[in-house]
Amino acid sequence: MSLKTFFKTFPKTFRGDTIVEVTFAVTMFSIVAVVSINIMNSGLSSAQASLEITMARNEIDAQAEALRFIHDSYVTQRKLDKKDRQYEVLWKENIVDLYVNDPADIADFTTLSCPDLYNPSKAHNIFEDKAFVLNTRLLVPANVNSKIIQSFFQESGDTTSLSYAKLTDEIIIASSAVDGKFTTTDVYPRLIYSTPSGLTTDQLDEGDTYNRDYRRVAKAEGIWIIAVRDGTSGVVPTFYDFHIRTCWYPPGRSTPSTIATVVRLYNPSLGGGT
């Protein structure tokens, strides 16, 4: 059949879609597309938030286990010679003596602004409350009597004298408004490590937890510990509460996410020890 014959026999009632029908179809397609994209974005946001919360909780758990490790090591080493009581320095002479707050001196964790927590002009900022974090890459059971820990106690090869300053600087990282190690975070709460002295000091590690060269804490982003003694004043504390706190802004959100936990560790000195 030729085209001429075809068009002659083509029914006159056959016609194309009107502009109204086309507009309606495009509108329906747009609505379905927008709804689908919003659902996908919502799913991605939920997955991102879940991942960030998981990473934050991992960091909190690591700090909690490090606190328990120092405390338990101190308890088990109290009967040893002074030179073998490395964790007494960390627990008793540093954490307890230098970083513990009275309950009345700190505020509840109720702020909705993460930057305010790092602002020295704000009341009860982390610097005022003597916040700190622990280097969890050095605090592992295998390092109790290892050369890594022992080297922090020796000065220039002199095995008869002990140097505690380097030990506390490497393992207990105190908040300071000067060095800038404690900052807000652009992602999730985390510790960022750098190479130790003698290597490339400007080299940072943000994920390789198995590289032994990266074991110096360069930054504590969005995470800190506040230590508080029990409420009884004028007597030896029965326990110490360690508030491990985090604060960060998830992508696309103006309200911060905050997760906190408390680790209570009892004072072994009440049992008759030193």
Protein backbone atom coordinates (compact mmCIF):
# COMPACT_ATOMS: atom_id res chain seq x y z
CA MET A 1 0.00 0.00 0.00
CA SER A 2 1.32 3.40 -0.98
CA LEU A 3 1.46 6.32 1.48
CA LYS A 4 -1.10 8.19 -0.59
CA THR A 5 -3.57 5.28 -0.36
CA PHE A 6 -2.81 4.90 3.39
CA PHE A 7 -3.62 8.51 4.19
CA LYS A 8 -6.79 8.34 2.11
CA THR A 9 -8.05 5.38 4.14
CA PHE A 10 -6.74 6.77 7.53
CA PRO A 11 -9.71 7.44 9.85
CA LYS A 12 -10.41 11.11 10.39
CA THR A 13 -11.00 10.45 14.10
CA PHE A 14 -7.37 9.49 14.71
CA ARG A 15 -5.50 12.44 16.19
CA GLY A 16 -2.50 13.26 18.49
CA ASP A 17 -2.56 14.13 22.22
CA THR A 18 -3.79 17.56 23.17
CA ILE A 19 -1.62 20.03 25.08
CA VAL A 20 -3.68 19.35 28.21
CA GLU A 21 -3.01 15.64 28.02
CA VAL A 22 0.71 16.17 27.46
CA THR A 23 0.88 18.62 30.35
CA PHE A 24 -0.95 16.21 32.63
CA ALA A 25 1.40 13.35 31.70
CA VAL A 26 4.50 15.47 32.28
CA THR A 27 3.10 16.66 35.60
CA MET A 28 2.43 13.12 36.81
CA PHE A 29 5.90 12.02 35.73
CA SER A 30 7.48 14.97 37.58
CA ILE A 31 5.55 14.20 40.75
CA VAL A 32 6.61 10.56 40.68
CA ALA A 33 10.24 11.54 39.96
CA VAL A 34 10.37 14.11 42.76
CA VAL A 35 8.80 11.74 45.29
CA SER A 36 11.20 8.97 44.26
CA ILE A 37 14.23 11.27 44.59
CA ASN A 38 13.07 12.45 48.02
CA ILE A 39 12.64 8.87 49.18
CA MET A 40 16.12 7.99 47.94
CA ASN A 41 17.61 11.08 49.60
CA SER A 42 15.85 10.24 52.83
CA GLY A 43 17.24 6.72 52.68
CA LEU A 44 20.75 8.01 52.03
CA SER A 45 20.45 10.49 54.90
CA SER A 46 19.27 7.76 57.25
CA ALA A 47 22.14 5.50 56.18
CA GLN A 48 24.62 8.35 56.63
CA ALA A 49 23.24 9.19 60.08
CA SER A 50 23.35 5.54 61.10
CA LEU A 51 26.97 5.24 59.95
CA GLU A 52 27.98 8.40 61.82
CA ILE A 53 26.28 7.20 65.02
CA THR A 54 28.02 3.84 64.73
CA MET A 55 31.42 5.50 64.25
CA ALA A 56 30.76 7.87 67.17
CA ARG A 57 29.80 4.97 69.42
CA ASN A 58 32.94 3.10 68.40
CA GLU A 59 35.05 6.07 69.46
CA ILE A 60 33.14 6.35 72.74
CA ASP A 61 33.58 2.63 73.44
CA ALA A 62 37.30 2.87 72.69
CA GLN A 63 37.71 5.70 75.19
CA ALA A 64 35.64 3.82 77.79
CA GLU A 65 37.75 0.68 77.41
CA ALA A 66 40.96 2.74 77.64
CA LEU A 67 39.77 4.24 80.94
CA ARG A 68 38.93 0.81 82.32
CA PHE A 69 42.28 -0.52 81.13
CA ILE A 70 44.25 2.22 82.93
CA HIS A 71 42.20 1.75 86.10
CA ASP A 72 42.48 -2.04 86.12
CA SER A 73 46.22 -1.91 85.34
CA TYR A 74 46.72 0.52 88.21
CA VAL A 75 44.86 -1.79 90.58
CA THR A 76 46.89 -4.86 89.59
CA GLN A 77 50.24 -3.03 89.78
CA ARG A 78 49.84 -1.40 93.20
CA LYS A 79 51.92 -4.06 94.98
CA LEU A 80 54.81 -3.87 92.51
CA ASP A 81 57.96 -1.76 92.77
CA LYS A 82 57.60 1.90 91.88
CA LYS A 83 59.46 1.49 88.58
CA ASP A 84 57.00 -1.18 87.49
CA ARG A 85 53.86 0.80 88.35
CA GLN A 86 53.53 2.67 85.05
CA TYR A 87 49.77 2.96 85.23
CA GLU A 88 49.83 4.48 88.69
CA VAL A 89 51.25 7.57 87.03
CA LEU A 90 48.45 7.65 84.48
CA TRP A 91 45.61 6.96 86.89
CA LYS A 92 46.53 8.40 90.26
CA GLU A 93 49.05 11.13 89.54
CA ASN A 94 47.47 12.45 86.36
CA ILE A 95 43.84 11.60 85.69
CA VAL A 96 42.74 11.76 89.33
CA ASP A 97 45.01 14.59 90.48
CA LEU A 98 44.87 16.80 87.41
CA TYR A 99 41.66 16.23 85.48
CA VAL A 100 38.92 15.46 87.98
CA ASN A 101 36.23 18.12 88.49
CA ASP A 102 33.88 18.69 91.40
CA PRO A 103 30.24 17.98 90.48
CA ALA A 104 29.26 21.59 91.09
CA ASP A 105 31.91 22.86 88.68
CA ILE A 106 30.50 21.41 85.48
CA ALA A 107 27.24 21.94 83.65
CA ASP A 108 24.88 19.39 82.18
CA PHE A 109 25.39 18.47 78.56
CA THR A 110 22.48 20.50 77.22
CA THR A 111 24.03 22.87 74.68
CA LEU A 112 22.76 22.77 71.10
CA SER A 113 25.82 24.45 69.61
CA CYS A 114 28.94 22.35 69.10
CA PRO A 115 31.23 25.38 68.53
CA ASP A 116 30.16 26.86 71.89
CA LEU A 117 31.71 23.87 73.63
CA TYR A 118 35.10 24.88 72.19
CA ASN A 119 34.71 28.61 72.81
CA PRO A 120 36.91 29.70 75.75
CA SER A 121 34.64 32.70 76.36
CA LYS A 122 31.64 30.46 77.03
CA ALA A 123 30.95 29.12 80.51
CA HIS A 124 31.67 25.44 81.06
CA ASN A 125 33.58 24.96 77.81
CA ILE A 126 35.75 21.85 77.49
CA PHE A 127 38.92 23.79 78.31
CA GLU A 128 37.46 25.12 81.55
CA ASP A 129 36.24 21.65 82.54
CA LYS A 130 39.68 20.08 81.95
CA ALA A 131 38.64 17.78 79.16
CA PHE A 132 40.97 15.12 77.79
CA VAL A 133 41.11 12.08 75.53
CA LEU A 134 43.23 8.93 75.60
CA ASN A 135 45.50 7.59 72.90
CA THR A 136 43.87 4.23 72.32
CA ARG A 137 46.57 3.06 69.89
CA LEU A 138 49.09 2.94 72.72
CA LEU A 139 46.72 1.70 75.42
CA VAL A 140 46.44 -1.97 74.50
CA PRO A 141 47.15 -4.97 76.75
CA ALA A 142 50.15 -5.96 74.63
CA ASN A 143 51.83 -2.66 75.54
CA VAL A 144 51.67 -3.03 79.33
CA ASN A 145 55.31 -4.02 79.56
CA SER A 146 56.34 -3.29 76.00
CA LYS A 147 59.19 -1.06 74.86
CA ILE A 148 56.63 1.51 73.74
CA ILE A 149 55.38 2.13 77.26
CA GLN A 150 58.76 1.67 78.93
CA SER A 151 60.41 4.18 76.61
CA PHE A 152 58.13 6.92 77.93
CA PHE A 153 59.66 6.53 81.39
CA GLN A 154 63.34 6.72 80.45
CA GLU A 155 65.24 9.92 79.87
CA SER A 156 68.12 9.88 77.37
CA GLY A 157 69.03 6.29 78.05
CA ASP A 158 69.21 6.81 81.79
CA THR A 159 67.32 3.80 83.08
CA THR A 160 67.50 4.94 86.70
CA SER A 161 65.36 8.04 86.24
CA LEU A 162 61.81 8.19 85.03
CA SER A 163 60.19 10.76 82.75
CA TYR A 164 56.43 11.02 83.15
CA ALA A 165 55.93 14.12 81.02
CA LYS A 166 56.25 12.34 77.69
CA LEU A 167 54.05 9.48 78.86
CA THR A 168 51.19 11.76 79.79
CA ASP A 169 51.64 13.94 76.72
CA GLU A 170 51.47 10.94 74.42
CA ILE A 171 48.72 8.95 76.15
CA ILE A 172 46.68 11.57 78.01
CA ILE A 173 45.96 14.40 75.61
CA ALA A 174 44.63 17.38 77.53
CA SER A 175 42.41 20.06 76.05
CA SER A 176 44.11 23.36 75.38
CA ALA A 177 42.86 26.47 73.63
CA VAL A 178 46.43 27.06 72.45
CA ASP A 179 47.52 23.94 70.57
CA GLY A 180 44.20 23.48 68.75
CA LYS A 181 44.09 19.69 69.12
CA PHE A 182 40.48 19.77 70.36
CA THR A 183 38.17 21.02 67.61
CA THR A 184 34.73 20.58 66.13
CA THR A 185 34.40 18.00 63.38
CA ASP A 186 33.27 18.15 59.77
CA VAL A 187 32.27 14.47 59.73
CA TYR A 188 31.81 12.32 62.83
CA PRO A 189 33.58 12.34 66.23
CA ARG A 190 37.03 10.83 65.85
CA LEU A 191 40.70 10.93 66.77
CA ILE A 192 43.08 11.81 63.96
CA TYR A 193 46.60 10.46 64.26
CA SER A 194 49.91 11.70 62.92
CA THR A 195 53.38 10.25 62.65
CA PRO A 196 55.48 10.41 65.83
CA SER A 197 58.56 12.55 66.27
CA GLY A 198 61.34 11.72 63.84
CA LEU A 199 59.05 10.97 60.92
CA THR A 200 57.12 13.27 58.60
CA THR A 201 55.33 15.41 61.15
CA ASP A 202 52.87 16.91 58.70
CA GLN A 203 51.56 13.52 57.63
CA LEU A 204 48.14 12.66 59.04
CA ASP A 205 46.31 9.37 59.13
CA GLU A 206 42.51 9.39 59.10
CA GLY A 207 41.71 5.73 58.72
CA ASP A 208 44.63 3.31 58.72
CA THR A 209 44.39 1.88 62.21
CA TYR A 210 46.98 -0.80 61.47
CA ASN A 211 49.86 1.47 60.51
CA ARG A 212 52.11 1.54 63.59
CA ASP A 213 53.82 4.74 62.45
CA TYR A 214 50.65 6.69 63.15
CA ARG A 215 50.30 6.64 66.92
CA ARG A 216 50.40 10.30 67.99
CA VAL A 217 47.07 12.05 68.47
CA ALA A 218 47.06 15.09 66.22
CA LYS A 219 43.42 16.09 66.72
CA ALA A 220 40.41 15.16 68.83
CA GLU A 221 37.43 16.14 66.72
CA GLY A 222 34.04 16.30 68.37
CA ILE A 223 34.88 13.99 71.29
CA TRP A 224 36.18 14.59 74.82
CA ILE A 225 36.10 13.20 78.37
CA ILE A 226 35.06 15.12 81.51
CA ALA A 227 35.99 13.50 84.85
CA VAL A 228 33.91 14.15 87.97
CA ARG A 229 34.41 12.90 91.51
CA ASP A 230 31.54 11.80 93.74
CA GLY A 231 29.47 14.42 95.51
CA THR A 232 30.95 13.96 98.98
CA SER A 233 33.37 16.80 99.67
CA GLY A 234 36.18 16.74 102.20
CA VAL A 235 36.64 12.97 102.11
CA VAL A 236 38.40 10.52 99.85
CA PRO A 237 36.19 9.99 96.78
CA THR A 238 34.38 6.69 96.57
CA PHE A 239 34.20 6.76 92.78
CA TYR A 240 34.89 8.88 89.73
CA ASP A 241 32.47 9.38 86.85
CA PHE A 242 33.93 9.88 83.38
CA HIS A 243 31.53 11.60 81.01
CA ILE A 244 32.48 10.71 77.44
CA ARG A 245 30.75 13.20 75.17
CA THR A 246 30.43 13.84 71.44
CA CYS A 247 28.90 16.58 69.33
CA TRP A 248 28.75 16.94 65.55
CA TYR A 249 26.54 18.19 62.73
CA PRO A 250 25.30 15.57 60.25
CA PRO A 251 25.30 16.67 56.59
CA GLY A 252 22.41 18.97 55.74
CA ARG A 253 21.25 19.39 59.33
CA SER A 254 21.35 22.47 61.53
CA THR A 255 20.70 20.57 64.76
CA PRO A 256 23.73 18.71 66.14
CA SER A 257 23.84 15.06 67.03
CA THR A 258 25.05 14.37 70.55
CA ILE A 259 25.89 11.05 72.14
CA ALA A 260 27.27 10.69 75.65
CA THR A 261 27.91 7.95 78.17
CA VAL A 262 29.25 7.72 81.70
CA VAL A 263 31.87 5.28 82.97
CA ARG A 264 32.00 4.95 86.77
CA LEU A 265 35.26 3.66 88.23
CA TYR A 266 35.69 3.11 91.94
CA ASN A 267 38.61 4.30 94.02
CA PRO A 268 40.76 1.29 94.97
CA SER A 269 42.51 3.35 97.69
CA LEU A 270 39.45 2.84 99.89
CA GLY A 271 40.32 -0.83 100.06
CA GLY A 272 43.51 -0.16 101.99
CA GLY A 273 45.86 0.14 99.02
CA THR A 274 48.07 3.07 98.15
